[in-house]
């Protein structure tokens, strides 16, 4: 059975830093950046990318829809 590797892409400029995605991730992949975007918000990013399974929980709970989830089949 092939292993699935996940990845997320956050639209940094549209992220408001609400942190709703952080507890929604069962693999503790998401963290909040120390830098700020153009609006002055700390944005979400993949703090632990190797742990991402592509479950999409973060994208589902994001109130602004700024997270895209990708899955790659690893052989």
PDB file of N, CA and C in Angstrom:
ATOM      1  N   UNK A   1       0.837  -1.181   0.000  1.00  0.00           N
ATOM      2  CA  UNK A   1       0.000   0.000   0.000  1.00  0.00           C
ATOM      3  C   UNK A   1       0.883   1.246   0.000  1.00  0.00           C
ATOM      4  N   UNK A   2       0.554   2.174  -0.867  1.00  0.00           N
ATOM      5  CA  UNK A   2       1.352   3.398  -0.997  1.00  0.00           C
ATOM      6  C   UNK A   2       1.072   4.347   0.161  1.00  0.00           C
ATOM      7  N   UNK A   3       2.110   5.016   0.595  1.00  0.00           N
ATOM      8  CA  UNK A   3       1.978   5.981   1.672  1.00  0.00           C
ATOM      9  C   UNK A   3       1.593   7.332   1.082  1.00  0.00           C
ATOM     10  N   UNK A   4       0.724   8.039   1.783  1.00  0.00           N
ATOM     11  CA  UNK A   4       0.294   9.360   1.339  1.00  0.00           C
ATOM     12  C   UNK A   4       1.038  10.428   2.142  1.00  0.00           C
ATOM     13  N   UNK A   5       1.605  11.377   1.430  1.00  0.00           N
ATOM     14  CA  UNK A   5       2.293  12.502   2.058  1.00  0.00           C
ATOM     15  C   UNK A   5       1.452  13.743   1.781  1.00  0.00           C
ATOM     16  N   UNK A   6       1.227  14.528   2.801  1.00  0.00           N
ATOM     17  CA  UNK A   6       0.420  15.725   2.629  1.00  0.00           C
ATOM     18  C   UNK A   6       1.255  16.985   2.686  1.00  0.00           C
ATOM     19  N   UNK A   7       0.661  18.055   2.213  1.00  0.00           N
ATOM     20  CA  UNK A   7       1.292  19.379   2.280  1.00  0.00           C
ATOM     21  C   UNK A   7       0.192  20.426   2.245  1.00  0.00           C
ATOM     22  N   UNK A   8       0.428  21.532   2.932  1.00  0.00           N
ATOM     23  CA  UNK A   8      -0.523  22.633   2.872  1.00  0.00           C
ATOM     24  C   UNK A   8       0.165  23.869   2.322  1.00  0.00           C
ATOM     25  N   UNK A   9      -0.645  24.710   1.696  1.00  0.00           N
ATOM     26  CA  UNK A   9      -0.170  26.004   1.227  1.00  0.00           C
ATOM     27  C   UNK A   9      -1.121  27.046   1.801  1.00  0.00           C
ATOM     28  N   UNK A  10      -0.567  27.999   2.519  1.00  0.00           N
ATOM     29  CA  UNK A  10      -1.361  29.062   3.139  1.00  0.00           C
ATOM     30  C   UNK A  10      -1.184  30.340   2.323  1.00  0.00           C
ATOM     31  N   UNK A  11      -2.298  30.983   1.987  1.00  0.00           N
ATOM     32  CA  UNK A  11      -2.227  32.290   1.329  1.00  0.00           C
ATOM     33  C   UNK A  11      -1.850  33.290   2.426  1.00  0.00           C
ATOM     34  N   UNK A  12      -0.575  33.560   2.539  1.00  0.00           N
ATOM     35  CA  UNK A  12      -0.031  34.337   3.649  1.00  0.00           C
ATOM     36  C   UNK A  12      -0.672  35.715   3.773  1.00  0.00           C
ATOM     37  N   UNK A  13      -0.898  36.380   2.674  1.00  0.00           N
ATOM     38  CA  UNK A  13      -1.444  37.740   2.731  1.00  0.00           C
ATOM     39  C   UNK A  13      -2.914  37.775   3.146  1.00  0.00           C
ATOM     40  N   UNK A  14      -3.633  36.672   2.977  1.00  0.00           N
ATOM     41  CA  UNK A  14      -5.049  36.651   3.362  1.00  0.00           C
ATOM     42  C   UNK A  14      -5.277  36.034   4.735  1.00  0.00           C
ATOM     43  N   UNK A  15      -4.266  35.377   5.294  1.00  0.00           N
ATOM     44  CA  UNK A  15      -4.389  34.745   6.614  1.00  0.00           C
ATOM     45  C   UNK A  15      -4.483  35.825   7.683  1.00  0.00           C
ATOM     46  N   UNK A  16      -5.500  35.718   8.573  1.00  0.00           N
ATOM     47  CA  UNK A  16      -5.689  36.698   9.644  1.00  0.00           C
ATOM     48  C   UNK A  16      -5.117  36.227  10.973  1.00  0.00           C
ATOM     49  N   UNK A  17      -4.475  35.065  10.993  1.00  0.00           N
ATOM     50  CA  UNK A  17      -3.832  34.602  12.213  1.00  0.00           C
ATOM     51  C   UNK A  17      -4.793  34.215  13.312  1.00  0.00           C
ATOM     52  N   UNK A  18      -5.965  33.721  12.974  1.00  0.00           N
ATOM     53  CA  UNK A  18      -6.963  33.377  13.986  1.00  0.00           C
ATOM     54  C   UNK A  18      -6.595  32.121  14.781  1.00  0.00           C
ATOM     55  N   UNK A  19      -5.685  31.309  14.244  1.00  0.00           N
ATOM     56  CA  UNK A  19      -5.165  30.094  14.887  1.00  0.00           C
ATOM     57  C   UNK A  19      -6.190  28.966  15.022  1.00  0.00           C
ATOM     58  N   UNK A  20      -7.305  29.033  14.326  1.00  0.00           N
ATOM     59  CA  UNK A  20      -8.305  27.963  14.378  1.00  0.00           C
ATOM     60  C   UNK A  20      -7.734  26.672  13.796  1.00  0.00           C
ATOM     61  N   UNK A  21      -6.857  26.778  12.829  1.00  0.00           N
ATOM     62  CA  UNK A  21      -6.284  25.607  12.167  1.00  0.00           C
ATOM     63  C   UNK A  21      -5.300  24.843  13.056  1.00  0.00           C
ATOM     64  N   UNK A  22      -4.664  25.528  13.996  1.00  0.00           N
ATOM     65  CA  UNK A  22      -3.613  24.909  14.813  1.00  0.00           C
ATOM     66  C   UNK A  22      -4.147  23.732  15.633  1.00  0.00           C
ATOM     67  N   UNK A  23      -5.200  23.907  16.439  1.00  0.00           N
ATOM     68  CA  UNK A  23      -5.703  22.757  17.206  1.00  0.00           C
ATOM     69  C   UNK A  23      -6.465  21.738  16.348  1.00  0.00           C
ATOM     70  N   UNK A  24      -6.885  22.144  15.139  1.00  0.00           N
ATOM     71  CA  UNK A  24      -7.613  21.226  14.261  1.00  0.00           C
ATOM     72  C   UNK A  24      -6.704  20.178  13.635  1.00  0.00           C
ATOM     73  N   UNK A  25      -5.400  20.420  13.647  1.00  0.00           N
ATOM     74  CA  UNK A  25      -4.450  19.492  13.029  1.00  0.00           C
ATOM     75  C   UNK A  25      -4.095  18.373  13.999  1.00  0.00           C
ATOM     76  N   UNK A  26      -4.435  17.131  13.650  1.00  0.00           N
ATOM     77  CA  UNK A  26      -4.139  16.008  14.548  1.00  0.00           C
ATOM     78  C   UNK A  26      -2.660  15.641  14.599  1.00  0.00           C
ATOM     79  N   UNK A  27      -1.875  16.139  13.656  1.00  0.00           N
ATOM     80  CA  UNK A  27      -0.448  15.799  13.585  1.00  0.00           C
ATOM     81  C   UNK A  27       0.470  16.921  14.053  1.00  0.00           C
ATOM     82  N   UNK A  28      -0.087  17.981  14.592  1.00  0.00           N
ATOM     83  CA  UNK A  28       0.698  19.142  15.049  1.00  0.00           C
ATOM     84  C   UNK A  28       1.633  19.669  13.973  1.00  0.00           C
ATOM     85  N   UNK A  29       1.101  19.845  12.777  1.00  0.00           N
ATOM     86  CA  UNK A  29       1.896  20.320  11.650  1.00  0.00           C
ATOM     87  C   UNK A  29       1.962  21.848  11.608  1.00  0.00           C
ATOM     88  N   UNK A  30       0.888  22.510  11.991  1.00  0.00           N
ATOM     89  CA  UNK A  30       0.761  23.944  11.773  1.00  0.00           C
ATOM     90  C   UNK A  30       1.238  24.757  12.975  1.00  0.00           C
ATOM     91  N   UNK A  31       1.976  25.805  12.668  1.00  0.00           N
ATOM     92  CA  UNK A  31       2.415  26.758  13.679  1.00  0.00           C
ATOM     93  C   UNK A  31       2.121  28.162  13.187  1.00  0.00           C
ATOM     94  N   UNK A  32       2.321  29.123  14.059  1.00  0.00           N
ATOM     95  CA  UNK A  32       2.117  30.512  13.674  1.00  0.00           C
ATOM     96  C   UNK A  32       3.481  31.170  13.482  1.00  0.00           C
ATOM     97  N   UNK A  33       3.628  31.887  12.391  1.00  0.00           N
ATOM     98  CA  UNK A  33       4.890  32.530  12.038  1.00  0.00           C
ATOM     99  C   UNK A  33       5.231  33.658  13.005  1.00  0.00           C
ATOM    100  N   UNK A  34       6.508  33.856  13.219  1.00  0.00           N
ATOM    101  CA  UNK A  34       6.956  34.993  14.023  1.00  0.00           C
ATOM    102  C   UNK A  34       6.901  36.278  13.189  1.00  0.00           C
ATOM    103  N   UNK A  35       6.994  36.138  11.866  1.00  0.00           N
ATOM    104  CA  UNK A  35       6.867  37.287  10.977  1.00  0.00           C
ATOM    105  C   UNK A  35       5.387  37.629  10.796  1.00  0.00           C
ATOM    106  N   UNK A  36       5.124  38.804  10.271  1.00  0.00           N
ATOM    107  CA  UNK A  36       3.754  39.221   9.998  1.00  0.00           C
ATOM    108  C   UNK A  36       3.574  39.466   8.504  1.00  0.00           C
ATOM    109  N   UNK A  37       2.319  39.370   8.063  1.00  0.00           N
ATOM    110  CA  UNK A  37       2.021  39.638   6.653  1.00  0.00           C
ATOM    111  C   UNK A  37       1.801  41.144   6.458  1.00  0.00           C
ATOM    112  N   UNK A  38       1.367  41.533   5.294  1.00  0.00           N
ATOM    113  CA  UNK A  38       1.178  42.943   4.972  1.00  0.00           C
ATOM    114  C   UNK A  38       0.141  43.644   5.830  1.00  0.00           C
ATOM    115  N   UNK A  39      -0.765  42.868   6.435  1.00  0.00           N
ATOM    116  CA  UNK A  39      -1.802  43.449   7.287  1.00  0.00           C
ATOM    117  C   UNK A  39      -1.401  43.444   8.764  1.00  0.00           C
ATOM    118  N   UNK A  40      -0.219  42.891   9.058  1.00  0.00           N
ATOM    119  CA  UNK A  40       0.260  42.883  10.425  1.00  0.00           C
ATOM    120  C   UNK A  40      -0.122  41.660  11.241  1.00  0.00           C
ATOM    121  N   UNK A  41      -0.618  40.610  10.578  1.00  0.00           N
ATOM    122  CA  UNK A  41      -1.020  39.386  11.275  1.00  0.00           C
ATOM    123  C   UNK A  41       0.082  38.326  11.223  1.00  0.00           C
ATOM    124  N   UNK A  42       0.237  37.588  12.293  1.00  0.00           N
ATOM    125  CA  UNK A  42       1.097  36.406  12.272  1.00  0.00           C
ATOM    126  C   UNK A  42       0.306  35.338  11.513  1.00  0.00           C
ATOM    127  N   UNK A  43       0.896  34.746  10.493  1.00  0.00           N
ATOM    128  CA  UNK A  43       0.190  33.811   9.626  1.00  0.00           C
ATOM    129  C   UNK A  43       0.568  32.363   9.943  1.00  0.00           C
ATOM    130  N   UNK A  44      -0.300  31.446   9.539  1.00  0.00           N
ATOM    131  CA  UNK A  44      -0.065  30.019   9.740  1.00  0.00           C
ATOM    132  C   UNK A  44       0.948  29.512   8.718  1.00  0.00           C
ATOM    133  N   UNK A  45       1.732  28.505   9.121  1.00  0.00           N
ATOM    134  CA  UNK A  45       2.682  27.884   8.199  1.00  0.00           C
ATOM    135  C   UNK A  45       2.928  26.446   8.643  1.00  0.00           C
ATOM    136  N   UNK A  46       3.590  25.660   7.810  1.00  0.00           N
ATOM    137  CA  UNK A  46       3.896  24.266   8.127  1.00  0.00           C
ATOM    138  C   UNK A  46       5.137  24.212   9.016  1.00  0.00           C
ATOM    139  N   UNK A  47       4.945  24.138  10.310  1.00  0.00           N
ATOM    140  CA  UNK A  47       6.063  24.088  11.251  1.00  0.00           C
ATOM    141  C   UNK A  47       6.703  22.704  11.291  1.00  0.00           C
ATOM    142  N   UNK A  48       5.916  21.669  10.980  1.00  0.00           N
ATOM    143  CA  UNK A  48       6.392  20.290  11.025  1.00  0.00           C
ATOM    144  C   UNK A  48       5.927  19.572   9.750  1.00  0.00           C
ATOM    145  N   UNK A  49       6.484  19.925   8.596  1.00  0.00           N
ATOM    146  CA  UNK A  49       5.967  19.428   7.313  1.00  0.00           C
ATOM    147  C   UNK A  49       6.025  17.916   7.128  1.00  0.00           C
ATOM    148  N   UNK A  50       6.982  17.243   7.742  1.00  0.00           N
ATOM    149  CA  UNK A  50       7.094  15.794   7.563  1.00  0.00           C
ATOM    150  C   UNK A  50       5.932  15.030   8.196  1.00  0.00           C
ATOM    151  N   UNK A  51       5.207  15.654   9.106  1.00  0.00           N
ATOM    152  CA  UNK A  51       4.107  14.976   9.800  1.00  0.00           C
ATOM    153  C   UNK A  51       2.766  15.116   9.089  1.00  0.00           C
ATOM    154  N   UNK A  52       2.685  15.937   8.064  1.00  0.00           N
ATOM    155  CA  UNK A  52       1.402  16.193   7.383  1.00  0.00           C
ATOM    156  C   UNK A  52       0.903  14.947   6.647  1.00  0.00           C
ATOM    157  N   UNK A  53      -0.361  14.610   6.916  1.00  0.00           N
ATOM    158  CA  UNK A  53      -0.993  13.462   6.263  1.00  0.00           C
ATOM    159  C   UNK A  53      -1.973  13.883   5.175  1.00  0.00           C
ATOM    160  N   UNK A  54      -2.216  15.181   5.050  1.00  0.00           N
ATOM    161  CA  UNK A  54      -3.162  15.668   4.043  1.00  0.00           C
ATOM    162  C   UNK A  54      -4.603  15.452   4.436  1.00  0.00           C
ATOM    163  N   UNK A  55      -4.905  15.440   5.724  1.00  0.00           N
ATOM    164  CA  UNK A  55      -6.259  15.137   6.201  1.00  0.00           C
ATOM    165  C   UNK A  55      -7.275  16.227   5.869  1.00  0.00           C
ATOM    166  N   UNK A  56      -6.835  17.441   5.609  1.00  0.00           N
ATOM    167  CA  UNK A  56      -7.671  18.592   5.237  1.00  0.00           C
ATOM    168  C   UNK A  56      -8.450  19.216   6.388  1.00  0.00           C
ATOM    169  N   UNK A  57      -8.227  18.788   7.615  1.00  0.00           N
ATOM    170  CA  UNK A  57      -8.936  19.396   8.742  1.00  0.00           C
ATOM    171  C   UNK A  57      -8.694  20.896   8.810  1.00  0.00           C
ATOM    172  N   UNK A  58      -7.455  21.312   8.574  1.00  0.00           N
ATOM    173  CA  UNK A  58      -7.116  22.733   8.652  1.00  0.00           C
ATOM    174  C   UNK A  58      -7.899  23.547   7.626  1.00  0.00           C
ATOM    175  N   UNK A  59      -7.985  23.038   6.411  1.00  0.00           N
ATOM    176  CA  UNK A  59      -8.696  23.753   5.346  1.00  0.00           C
ATOM    177  C   UNK A  59     -10.189  23.810   5.626  1.00  0.00           C
ATOM    178  N   UNK A  60     -10.731  22.766   6.230  1.00  0.00           N
ATOM    179  CA  UNK A  60     -12.162  22.716   6.532  1.00  0.00           C
ATOM    180  C   UNK A  60     -12.529  23.757   7.590  1.00  0.00           C
ATOM    181  N   UNK A  61     -11.711  23.908   8.623  1.00  0.00           N
ATOM    182  CA  UNK A  61     -12.049  24.832   9.709  1.00  0.00           C
ATOM    183  C   UNK A  61     -11.626  26.271   9.447  1.00  0.00           C
ATOM    184  N   UNK A  62     -10.797  26.520   8.450  1.00  0.00           N
ATOM    185  CA  UNK A  62     -10.326  27.878   8.171  1.00  0.00           C
ATOM    186  C   UNK A  62     -11.511  28.763   7.763  1.00  0.00           C
ATOM    187  N   UNK A  63     -11.806  29.796   8.563  1.00  0.00           N
ATOM    188  CA  UNK A  63     -12.972  30.631   8.255  1.00  0.00           C
ATOM    189  C   UNK A  63     -12.807  31.481   6.990  1.00  0.00           C
ATOM    190  N   UNK A  64     -11.577  31.680   6.560  1.00  0.00           N
ATOM    191  CA  UNK A  64     -11.334  32.502   5.374  1.00  0.00           C
ATOM    192  C   UNK A  64     -10.951  31.700   4.143  1.00  0.00           C
ATOM    193  N   UNK A  65     -10.834  30.390   4.270  1.00  0.00           N
ATOM    194  CA  UNK A  65     -10.522  29.538   3.121  1.00  0.00           C
ATOM    195  C   UNK A  65      -9.171  29.817   2.496  1.00  0.00           C
ATOM    196  N   UNK A  66      -8.171  30.113   3.325  1.00  0.00           N
ATOM    197  CA  UNK A  66      -6.860  30.469   2.784  1.00  0.00           C
ATOM    198  C   UNK A  66      -5.873  29.305   2.764  1.00  0.00           C
ATOM    199  N   UNK A  67      -6.329  28.104   3.165  1.00  0.00           N
ATOM    200  CA  UNK A  67      -5.440  26.939   3.203  1.00  0.00           C
ATOM    201  C   UNK A  67      -5.824  25.960   2.098  1.00  0.00           C
ATOM    202  N   UNK A  68      -4.840  25.587   1.293  1.00  0.00           N
ATOM    203  CA  UNK A  68      -5.022  24.552   0.261  1.00  0.00           C
ATOM    204  C   UNK A  68      -4.238  23.325   0.715  1.00  0.00           C
ATOM    205  N   UNK A  69      -4.835  22.151   0.544  1.00  0.00           N
ATOM    206  CA  UNK A  69      -4.201  20.900   0.966  1.00  0.00           C
ATOM    207  C   UNK A  69      -3.904  20.056  -0.252  1.00  0.00           C
ATOM    208  N   UNK A  70      -2.716  19.482  -0.281  1.00  0.00           N
ATOM    209  CA  UNK A  70      -2.286  18.636  -1.383  1.00  0.00           C
ATOM    210  C   UNK A  70      -1.857  17.290  -0.839  1.00  0.00           C
ATOM    211  N   UNK A  71      -2.137  16.237  -1.591  1.00  0.00           N
ATOM    212  CA  UNK A  71      -1.702  14.887  -1.226  1.00  0.00           C
ATOM    213  C   UNK A  71      -0.863  14.324  -2.353  1.00  0.00           C
ATOM    214  N   UNK A  72       0.239  13.667  -1.976  1.00  0.00           N
ATOM    215  CA  UNK A  72       1.123  13.046  -2.948  1.00  0.00           C
ATOM    216  C   UNK A  72       1.307  11.590  -2.540  1.00  0.00           C
ATOM    217  N   UNK A  73       1.124  10.700  -3.483  1.00  0.00           N
ATOM    218  CA  UNK A  73       1.322   9.281  -3.208  1.00  0.00           C
ATOM    219  C   UNK A  73       2.801   8.971  -3.292  1.00  0.00           C
ATOM    220  N   UNK A  74       3.364   8.444  -2.215  1.00  0.00           N
ATOM    221  CA  UNK A  74       4.772   8.078  -2.160  1.00  0.00           C
ATOM    222  C   UNK A  74       4.902   6.578  -2.384  1.00  0.00           C
ATOM    223  N   UNK A  75       5.792   6.175  -3.261  1.00  0.00           N
ATOM    224  CA  UNK A  75       5.985   4.741  -3.532  1.00  0.00           C
ATOM    225  C   UNK A  75       7.145   4.177  -2.765  1.00  0.00           C
TER     226      UNK A  75
END
